[in-house]
C-alpha atoms as a PDB file:
ATOM      1  CA  MET A   1     -11.870 -28.142  10.952  1.00  0.00           C
ATOM      2  CA  GLN A   2     -14.074 -30.464   8.241  1.00  0.00           C
ATOM      3  CA  ALA A   3     -15.303 -30.264   5.032  1.00  0.00           C
ATOM      4  CA  ILE A   4     -18.913 -29.661   4.503  1.00  0.00           C
ATOM      5  CA  SER A   5     -21.236 -28.656   2.413  1.00  0.00           C
ATOM      6  CA  ARG A   6     -24.716 -27.721   1.689  1.00  0.00           C
ATOM      7  CA  ARG A   7     -28.080 -26.992  -1.135  1.00  0.00           C
ATOM      8  CA  SER A   8     -31.657 -26.450  -0.111  1.00  0.00           C
ATOM      9  CA  LEU A   9     -33.474 -28.619  -0.273  1.00  0.00           C
ATOM     10  CA  LEU A  10     -36.791 -27.799  -1.859  1.00  0.00           C
ATOM     11  CA  GLY A  11     -40.272 -27.594  -0.446  1.00  0.00           C
ATOM     12  CA  GLY A  12     -41.665 -31.647  -0.394  1.00  0.00           C
ATOM     13  CA  VAL A  13     -38.562 -33.300  -0.923  1.00  0.00           C
ATOM     14  CA  ALA A  14     -36.915 -36.065   0.788  1.00  0.00           C
ATOM     15  CA  LEU A  15     -37.028 -35.920   4.531  1.00  0.00           C
ATOM     16  CA  LEU A  16     -39.804 -32.991   4.453  1.00  0.00           C
ATOM     17  CA  ALA A  17     -42.271 -34.451   2.545  1.00  0.00           C
ATOM     18  CA  THR A  18     -42.853 -36.244   5.852  1.00  0.00           C
ATOM     19  CA  ALA A  19     -42.072 -33.981   8.283  1.00  0.00           C
ATOM     20  CA  SER A  20     -44.720 -31.218   6.869  1.00  0.00           C
ATOM     21  CA  SER A  21     -45.146 -29.332  10.268  1.00  0.00           C
ATOM     22  CA  LEU A  22     -41.496 -28.478   9.561  1.00  0.00           C
ATOM     23  CA  ALA A  23     -41.298 -24.877   7.720  1.00  0.00           C
ATOM     24  CA  ALA A  24     -39.192 -26.160   4.542  1.00  0.00           C
ATOM     25  CA  ALA A  25     -37.132 -23.143   4.639  1.00  0.00           C
ATOM     26  CA  THR A  26     -35.540 -24.327   8.330  1.00  0.00           C
ATOM     27  CA  ALA A  27     -33.961 -27.068   6.208  1.00  0.00           C
ATOM     28  CA  GLU A  28     -30.651 -28.019   4.105  1.00  0.00           C
ATOM     29  CA  GLN A  29     -29.129 -30.847   3.174  1.00  0.00           C
ATOM     30  CA  LEU A  30     -25.196 -30.995   4.175  1.00  0.00           C
ATOM     31  CA  THR A  31     -22.333 -33.855   3.689  1.00  0.00           C
ATOM     32  CA  VAL A  32     -19.441 -33.882   6.010  1.00  0.00           C
ATOM     33  CA  ASP A  33     -16.294 -35.242   4.782  1.00  0.00           C
ATOM     34  CA  ALA A  34     -15.537 -38.613   7.079  1.00  0.00           C
ATOM     35  CA  GLY A  35     -13.822 -41.453   8.093  1.00  0.00           C
ATOM     36  CA  GLU A  36     -14.898 -44.104   4.195  1.00  0.00           C
ATOM     37  CA  GLY A  37     -17.076 -41.056   2.686  1.00  0.00           C
ATOM     38  CA  ARG A  38     -18.781 -38.722   3.142  1.00  0.00           C
ATOM     39  CA  VAL A  39     -21.859 -38.577   5.841  1.00  0.00           C
ATOM     40  CA  THR A  40     -25.270 -37.051   4.370  1.00  0.00           C
ATOM     41  CA  VAL A  41     -27.236 -34.807   6.601  1.00  0.00           C
ATOM     42  CA  SER A  42     -30.631 -32.343   6.634  1.00  0.00           C
ATOM     43  CA  ARG A  43     -30.347 -29.618   9.542  1.00  0.00           C
ATOM     44  CA  PHE A  44     -33.519 -28.203  10.802  1.00  0.00           C
ATOM     45  CA  ALA A  45     -32.491 -25.032  12.161  1.00  0.00           C
ATOM     46  CA  SER A  46     -34.522 -23.213  15.112  1.00  0.00           C
ATOM     47  CA  GLU A  47     -35.947 -19.884  14.194  1.00  0.00           C
ATOM     48  CA  ARG A  48     -34.359 -18.575  17.369  1.00  0.00           C
ATOM     49  CA  SER A  49     -31.445 -15.677  16.496  1.00  0.00           C
ATOM     50  CA  GLY A  50     -28.003 -16.313  17.751  1.00  0.00           C
ATOM     51  CA  LYS A  51     -25.893 -18.616  18.295  1.00  0.00           C
ATOM     52  CA  ARG A  52     -27.701 -22.315  18.767  1.00  0.00           C
ATOM     53  CA  PRO A  53     -26.974 -25.458  20.280  1.00  0.00           C
ATOM     54  CA  ALA A  54     -27.486 -28.338  18.409  1.00  0.00           C
ATOM     55  CA  VAL A  55     -28.505 -32.331  18.541  1.00  0.00           C
ATOM     56  CA  LEU A  56     -27.595 -34.488  16.217  1.00  0.00           C
ATOM     57  CA  VAL A  57     -30.490 -37.457  15.549  1.00  0.00           C
ATOM     58  CA  LEU A  58     -29.441 -41.184  15.009  1.00  0.00           C
ATOM     59  CA  HIS A  59     -31.206 -43.355  13.118  1.00  0.00           C
ATOM     60  CA  GLY A  60     -32.258 -46.862  13.681  1.00  0.00           C
ATOM     61  CA  SER A  61     -30.913 -50.321  11.750  1.00  0.00           C
ATOM     62  CA  ARG A  62     -33.523 -49.272   8.649  1.00  0.00           C
ATOM     63  CA  GLY A  63     -33.021 -45.099   8.730  1.00  0.00           C
ATOM     64  CA  PHE A  64     -34.751 -42.267   8.616  1.00  0.00           C
ATOM     65  CA  ASP A  65     -37.175 -44.060   5.880  1.00  0.00           C
ATOM     66  CA  LEU A  66     -38.759 -46.060   8.190  1.00  0.00           C
ATOM     67  CA  ARG A  67     -42.021 -44.014  10.138  1.00  0.00           C
ATOM     68  CA  PRO A  68     -39.616 -40.352   9.031  1.00  0.00           C
ATOM     69  CA  GLN A  69     -43.001 -38.662   9.933  1.00  0.00           C
ATOM     70  CA  ALA A  70     -42.241 -39.988  13.982  1.00  0.00           C
ATOM     71  CA  TYR A  71     -38.567 -38.975  14.005  1.00  0.00           C
ATOM     72  CA  GLY A  72     -40.705 -35.238  12.741  1.00  0.00           C
ATOM     73  CA  ARG A  73     -41.764 -35.074  15.588  1.00  0.00           C
ATOM     74  CA  TYR A  74     -38.729 -35.289  18.356  1.00  0.00           C
ATOM     75  CA  ALA A  75     -37.266 -32.371  15.059  1.00  0.00           C
ATOM     76  CA  LYS A  76     -40.354 -30.251  15.713  1.00  0.00           C
ATOM     77  CA  ALA A  77     -40.171 -30.250  19.198  1.00  0.00           C
ATOM     78  CA  LEU A  78     -36.116 -29.480  18.928  1.00  0.00           C
ATOM     79  CA  THR A  79     -36.288 -26.479  17.363  1.00  0.00           C
ATOM     80  CA  ALA A  80     -38.985 -25.053  18.783  1.00  0.00           C
ATOM     81  CA  ASP A  81     -36.600 -25.116  22.268  1.00  0.00           C
ATOM     82  CA  GLY A  82     -34.229 -23.262  20.167  1.00  0.00           C
ATOM     83  CA  ILE A  83     -32.085 -26.073  19.171  1.00  0.00           C
ATOM     84  CA  ASP A  84     -31.273 -26.938  16.194  1.00  0.00           C
ATOM     85  CA  ALA A  85     -31.741 -31.075  14.948  1.00  0.00           C
ATOM     86  CA  TYR A  86     -29.124 -32.535  12.136  1.00  0.00           C
ATOM     87  CA  PHE A  87     -30.322 -35.803  11.264  1.00  0.00           C
ATOM     88  CA  VAL A  88     -27.157 -38.493  10.495  1.00  0.00           C
ATOM     89  CA  ARG A  89     -27.589 -41.030   8.084  1.00  0.00           C
ATOM     90  CA  TYR A  90     -24.198 -42.748   9.625  1.00  0.00           C
ATOM     91  CA  TYR A  91     -24.502 -45.944   7.383  1.00  0.00           C
ATOM     92  CA  THR A  92     -22.162 -46.174   4.487  1.00  0.00           C
ATOM     93  CA  PRO A  93     -23.162 -47.262   0.798  1.00  0.00           C
ATOM     94  CA  ALA A  94     -21.279 -50.812   2.318  1.00  0.00           C
ATOM     95  CA  ASP A  95     -23.126 -50.576   4.949  1.00  0.00           C
ATOM     96  CA  GLU A  96     -26.430 -50.462   3.469  1.00  0.00           C
ATOM     97  CA  GLN A  97     -25.601 -52.789   0.856  1.00  0.00           C
ATOM     98  CA  ALA A  98     -24.622 -55.456   4.207  1.00  0.00           C
ATOM     99  CA  PHE A  99     -28.109 -54.754   5.504  1.00  0.00           C
ATOM    100  CA  ARG A 100     -29.698 -55.818   2.072  1.00  0.00           C
ATOM    101  CA  THR A 101     -28.200 -58.749   2.286  1.00  0.00           C
ATOM    102  CA  LEU A 102     -28.445 -59.809   5.925  1.00  0.00           C
ATOM    103  CA  THR A 103     -30.733 -61.837   6.366  1.00  0.00           C
ATOM    104  CA  THR A 104     -30.634 -63.638  10.295  1.00  0.00           C
ATOM    105  CA  ARG A 105     -30.469 -61.386  13.106  1.00  0.00           C
ATOM    106  CA  GLU A 106     -27.602 -63.259  14.075  1.00  0.00           C
ATOM    107  CA  THR A 107     -25.484 -62.353  11.019  1.00  0.00           C
ATOM    108  CA  ARG A 108     -26.759 -58.225  11.131  1.00  0.00           C
ATOM    109  CA  GLU A 109     -25.554 -58.077  15.206  1.00  0.00           C
ATOM    110  CA  ALA A 110     -21.876 -59.682  14.089  1.00  0.00           C
ATOM    111  CA  TYR A 111     -22.101 -56.806  10.871  1.00  0.00           C
ATOM    112  CA  GLU A 112     -23.193 -54.257  13.666  1.00  0.00           C
ATOM    113  CA  THR A 113     -19.921 -55.360  16.303  1.00  0.00           C
ATOM    114  CA  GLY A 114     -17.325 -54.655  13.461  1.00  0.00           C
ATOM    115  CA  ARG A 115     -19.020 -51.408  12.670  1.00  0.00           C
ATOM    116  CA  PHE A 116     -19.304 -49.243  15.792  1.00  0.00           C
ATOM    117  CA  ASP A 117     -16.290 -47.690  15.797  1.00  0.00           C
ATOM    118  CA  VAL A 118     -16.078 -46.546  12.189  1.00  0.00           C
ATOM    119  CA  TRP A 119     -19.544 -45.177  12.711  1.00  0.00           C
ATOM    120  CA  ALA A 120     -18.810 -43.411  15.810  1.00  0.00           C
ATOM    121  CA  ALA A 121     -15.966 -41.682  14.454  1.00  0.00           C
ATOM    122  CA  ARG A 122     -18.685 -40.750  11.474  1.00  0.00           C
ATOM    123  CA  VAL A 123     -21.364 -39.097  13.500  1.00  0.00           C
ATOM    124  CA  SER A 124     -17.931 -36.977  15.264  1.00  0.00           C
ATOM    125  CA  SER A 125     -16.902 -35.543  12.327  1.00  0.00           C
ATOM    126  CA  VAL A 126     -20.125 -34.723  12.356  1.00  0.00           C
ATOM    127  CA  LEU A 127     -20.052 -32.989  15.395  1.00  0.00           C
ATOM    128  CA  SER A 128     -17.084 -31.220  14.405  1.00  0.00           C
ATOM    129  CA  ALA A 129     -18.743 -29.595  11.543  1.00  0.00           C
ATOM    130  CA  VAL A 130     -21.676 -28.251  13.611  1.00  0.00           C
ATOM    131  CA  LEU A 131     -19.528 -27.279  15.784  1.00  0.00           C
ATOM    132  CA  ALA A 132     -17.531 -24.977  13.706  1.00  0.00           C
ATOM    133  CA  GLY A 133     -20.450 -23.946  12.563  1.00  0.00           C
ATOM    134  CA  ALA A 134     -21.378 -19.786  12.152  1.00  0.00           C
ATOM    135  CA  HIS A 135     -24.337 -20.525  14.145  1.00  0.00           C
ATOM    136  CA  SER A 136     -22.687 -23.449  16.741  1.00  0.00           C
ATOM    137  CA  SER A 137     -22.867 -22.322  20.772  1.00  0.00           C
ATOM    138  CA  GLY A 138     -20.690 -25.331  20.802  1.00  0.00           C
ATOM    139  CA  ARG A 139     -23.017 -27.037  22.886  1.00  0.00           C
ATOM    140  CA  ILE A 140     -23.935 -30.867  21.395  1.00  0.00           C
ATOM    141  CA  GLY A 141     -26.351 -33.651  22.084  1.00  0.00           C
ATOM    142  CA  LEU A 142     -26.160 -36.813  20.674  1.00  0.00           C
ATOM    143  CA  LEU A 143     -29.912 -38.792  20.425  1.00  0.00           C
ATOM    144  CA  GLY A 144     -30.084 -42.400  19.075  1.00  0.00           C
ATOM    145  CA  PHE A 145     -32.927 -44.590  18.281  1.00  0.00           C
ATOM    146  CA  SER A 146     -32.247 -48.442  18.813  1.00  0.00           C
ATOM    147  CA  LEU A 147     -28.811 -49.226  17.297  1.00  0.00           C
ATOM    148  CA  GLY A 148     -28.849 -45.313  16.447  1.00  0.00           C
ATOM    149  CA  GLY A 149     -28.796 -45.391  20.580  1.00  0.00           C
ATOM    150  CA  TYR A 150     -25.932 -47.680  20.098  1.00  0.00           C
ATOM    151  CA  VAL A 151     -24.068 -45.954  17.998  1.00  0.00           C
ATOM    152  CA  ALA A 152     -25.140 -42.952  20.341  1.00  0.00           C
ATOM    153  CA  ALA A 153     -23.672 -44.136  23.636  1.00  0.00           C
ATOM    154  CA  ALA A 154     -20.511 -45.307  22.324  1.00  0.00           C
ATOM    155  CA  ALA A 155     -19.453 -41.416  20.404  1.00  0.00           C
ATOM    156  CA  ALA A 156     -20.553 -39.982  23.684  1.00  0.00           C
ATOM    157  CA  ALA A 157     -18.321 -42.042  25.115  1.00  0.00           C
ATOM    158  CA  ARG A 158     -15.527 -41.487  23.235  1.00  0.00           C
ATOM    159  CA  ASP A 159     -15.627 -38.034  22.348  1.00  0.00           C
ATOM    160  CA  GLU A 160     -15.958 -35.564  25.636  1.00  0.00           C
ATOM    161  CA  ARG A 161     -17.444 -32.253  22.882  1.00  0.00           C
ATOM    162  CA  VAL A 162     -21.070 -34.222  23.607  1.00  0.00           C
ATOM    163  CA  SER A 163     -22.500 -32.217  26.312  1.00  0.00           C
ATOM    164  CA  ALA A 164     -25.957 -34.997  26.855  1.00  0.00           C
ATOM    165  CA  LEU A 165     -27.113 -38.139  25.280  1.00  0.00           C
ATOM    166  CA  ALA A 166     -30.568 -39.139  24.954  1.00  0.00           C
ATOM    167  CA  VAL A 167     -30.728 -42.871  23.887  1.00  0.00           C
ATOM    168  CA  LEU A 168     -34.049 -44.732  23.334  1.00  0.00           C
ATOM    169  CA  TYR A 169     -34.309 -48.573  23.510  1.00  0.00           C
ATOM    170  CA  GLY A 170     -30.533 -48.730  23.189  1.00  0.00           C
ATOM    171  CA  GLY A 171     -27.538 -49.555  24.911  1.00  0.00           C
ATOM    172  CA  MET A 172     -23.549 -49.369  24.842  1.00  0.00           C
ATOM    173  CA  PRO A 173     -21.649 -51.635  22.014  1.00  0.00           C
ATOM    174  CA  ASP A 174     -20.412 -54.370  24.274  1.00  0.00           C
ATOM    175  CA  LYS A 175     -17.109 -54.416  23.139  1.00  0.00           C
ATOM    176  CA  ILE A 176     -16.191 -50.391  24.336  1.00  0.00           C
ATOM    177  CA  ALA A 177     -18.436 -50.995  27.605  1.00  0.00           C
ATOM    178  CA  PRO A 178     -15.199 -51.869  29.538  1.00  0.00           C
ATOM    179  CA  GLN A 179     -12.979 -49.284  28.233  1.00  0.00           C
ATOM    180  CA  VAL A 180     -15.728 -46.139  29.031  1.00  0.00           C
ATOM    181  CA  LYS A 181     -14.487 -43.183  31.620  1.00  0.00           C
ATOM    182  CA  HIS A 182     -16.305 -40.900  30.114  1.00  0.00           C
ATOM    183  CA  LEU A 183     -19.938 -39.840  29.165  1.00  0.00           C
ATOM    184  CA  PRO A 184     -22.108 -37.241  29.402  1.00  0.00           C
ATOM    185  CA  PRO A 185     -25.444 -36.676  31.265  1.00  0.00           C
ATOM    186  CA  MET A 186     -27.726 -39.189  29.760  1.00  0.00           C
ATOM    187  CA  ILE A 187     -31.366 -40.322  29.917  1.00  0.00           C
ATOM    188  CA  GLU A 188     -32.665 -43.898  28.403  1.00  0.00           C
ATOM    189  CA  LEU A 189     -36.423 -44.302  27.383  1.00  0.00           C
ATOM    190  CA  HIS A 190     -37.033 -47.789  27.319  1.00  0.00           C
ATOM    191  CA  GLY A 191     -40.620 -49.791  26.835  1.00  0.00           C
ATOM    192  CA  GLU A 192     -40.453 -52.899  29.722  1.00  0.00           C
ATOM    193  CA  ALA A 193     -41.425 -55.259  26.569  1.00  0.00           C
ATOM    194  CA  ASP A 194     -39.104 -54.323  24.392  1.00  0.00           C
ATOM    195  CA  ARG A 195     -38.017 -58.163  22.708  1.00  0.00           C
ATOM    196  CA  ASN A 196     -35.835 -56.158  20.203  1.00  0.00           C
ATOM    197  CA  VAL A 197     -33.624 -54.636  22.635  1.00  0.00           C
ATOM    198  CA  PRO A 198     -34.073 -55.997  26.371  1.00  0.00           C
ATOM    199  CA  LEU A 199     -35.147 -53.407  29.247  1.00  0.00           C
ATOM    200  CA  ALA A 200     -31.544 -54.782  30.935  1.00  0.00           C
ATOM    201  CA  SER A 201     -29.533 -52.718  27.998  1.00  0.00           C
ATOM    202  CA  GLY A 202     -31.057 -49.710  28.586  1.00  0.00           C
ATOM    203  CA  GLU A 203     -30.780 -50.285  32.747  1.00  0.00           C
ATOM    204  CA  ALA A 204     -26.951 -51.211  31.761  1.00  0.00           C
ATOM    205  CA  LEU A 205     -25.842 -48.444  30.184  1.00  0.00           C
ATOM    206  CA  VAL A 206     -27.473 -46.663  32.845  1.00  0.00           C
ATOM    207  CA  ARG A 207     -25.483 -47.983  35.557  1.00  0.00           C
ATOM    208  CA  LEU A 208     -22.502 -47.450  33.333  1.00  0.00           C
ATOM    209  CA  GLY A 209     -22.948 -43.708  33.232  1.00  0.00           C
ATOM    210  CA  LYS A 210     -23.286 -43.593  36.906  1.00  0.00           C
ATOM    211  CA  SER A 211     -19.661 -45.642  37.487  1.00  0.00           C
ATOM    212  CA  VAL A 212     -17.845 -42.771  35.246  1.00  0.00           C
ATOM    213  CA  GLY A 213     -20.147 -40.264  37.143  1.00  0.00           C
ATOM    214  CA  ALA A 214     -22.720 -39.298  34.782  1.00  0.00           C
ATOM    215  CA  ALA A 215     -25.979 -37.938  36.103  1.00  0.00           C
ATOM    216  CA  ALA A 216     -28.087 -40.623  34.676  1.00  0.00           C
ATOM    217  CA  GLU A 217     -31.533 -41.855  35.253  1.00  0.00           C
ATOM    218  CA  ILE A 218     -33.788 -44.290  32.438  1.00  0.00           C
ATOM    219  CA  VAL A 219     -37.715 -43.769  32.145  1.00  0.00           C
ATOM    220  CA  ARG A 220     -39.517 -47.197  31.876  1.00  0.00           C
ATOM    221  CA  TYR A 221     -42.483 -47.463  29.951  1.00  0.00           C
ATOM    222  CA  PRO A 222     -44.818 -50.774  31.498  1.00  0.00           C
ATOM    223  CA  GLY A 223     -46.184 -52.764  28.319  1.00  0.00           C
ATOM    224  CA  LYS A 224     -44.436 -51.308  25.692  1.00  0.00           C
ATOM    225  CA  ALA A 225     -42.685 -52.557  22.835  1.00  0.00           C
ATOM    226  CA  HIS A 226     -39.481 -51.180  21.227  1.00  0.00           C
ATOM    227  CA  GLY A 227     -39.956 -48.085  19.064  1.00  0.00           C
ATOM    228  CA  PHE A 228     -43.378 -47.753  20.977  1.00  0.00           C
ATOM    229  CA  ASP A 229     -42.825 -43.869  20.581  1.00  0.00           C
ATOM    230  CA  PHE A 230     -43.592 -44.497  17.311  1.00  0.00           C
ATOM    231  CA  ALA A 231     -47.218 -44.874  17.163  1.00  0.00           C
ATOM    232  CA  ASP A 232     -49.450 -41.512  16.175  1.00  0.00           C
ATOM    233  CA  ASN A 233     -51.894 -41.781  18.525  1.00  0.00           C
ATOM    234  CA  ASP A 234     -50.619 -43.544  21.993  1.00  0.00           C
ATOM    235  CA  PRO A 235     -49.806 -41.226  24.613  1.00  0.00           C
ATOM    236  CA  MET A 236     -46.706 -42.237  25.204  1.00  0.00           C
ATOM    237  CA  THR A 237     -45.260 -40.839  22.086  1.00  0.00           C
ATOM    238  CA  ALA A 238     -46.026 -36.852  23.128  1.00  0.00           C
ATOM    239  CA  ASP A 239     -44.644 -37.945  26.757  1.00  0.00           C
ATOM    240  CA  ALA A 240     -41.638 -39.528  25.113  1.00  0.00           C
ATOM    241  CA  VAL A 241     -40.875 -36.358  22.731  1.00  0.00           C
ATOM    242  CA  ASN A 242     -41.574 -34.187  25.544  1.00  0.00           C
ATOM    243  CA  ARG A 243     -39.596 -35.886  27.603  1.00  0.00           C
ATOM    244  CA  VAL A 244     -36.854 -35.599  25.448  1.00  0.00           C
ATOM    245  CA  ALA A 245     -37.173 -32.285  24.001  1.00  0.00           C
ATOM    246  CA  GLY A 246     -36.798 -30.779  28.166  1.00  0.00           C
ATOM    247  CA  PHE A 247     -34.135 -33.212  28.765  1.00  0.00           C
ATOM    248  CA  PHE A 248     -31.667 -31.868  25.512  1.00  0.00           C
ATOM    249  CA  GLN A 249     -33.297 -27.589  26.882  1.00  0.00           C
ATOM    250  CA  ALA A 250     -32.476 -28.180  30.356  1.00  0.00           C
ATOM    251  CA  ARG A 251     -28.596 -29.740  29.489  1.00  0.00           C
ATOM    252  CA  LEU A 252     -27.969 -27.934  26.603  1.00  0.00           C
ATOM    253  CA  ASN A 253     -29.806 -24.165  26.917  1.00  0.00           C
ATOM    254  CA  VAL A 254     -27.162 -22.864  29.259  1.00  0.00           C
ATOM    255  CA  ALA A 255     -25.492 -19.777  29.112  1.00  0.00           C
END
């Protein structure tokens, strides 16, 4: 069992300050033992009593501090459906330092390629801790954005305890794709005008899922760019949040 420690977050501190629609009483800061040091996790608990499913949320390359209110919308939707949401900061301090010094896309992508195995393993450590919790129903999903989508896909391919996978404008790391033998049911959401992660990457992930027998679908958003769902006033933001929450509700809230 993974070691886990916790302390309550105060209202207005850290993530709660930017997700004010979530009640302060439902959030905790957790730490989970993992390879290369502990992982920090923010837990948003549903008000539903009894054992509940959970979703681990994996940030993009700039972390949860980039538009945290956008991530908060997903936490609010998940908890409303009786699903606990865990915001997983899978970077190590060394990763954070590296991203401050890598100045070109090529160097960042080369660094990321060498880190997917470690990040996926750190996510699995968090998954073990969550599943061991008193409120766990035993069903858990992964939700990843951009780089976090790649990490989520890699973790889901290697950890059969993952019951569902949702990826927004991501894909499967190239070095891991040839090794994939299993994936859970999945949904990919992708803007057709994405210049950061081409639509083809999302389409390839869905094809890979289908090739190993997973139920897999892609939702394309015409004219939308990378991170389209972070916009506060775009109707497609609500569409994306609702689709993701509905997907997890259907896949995780089962007897």
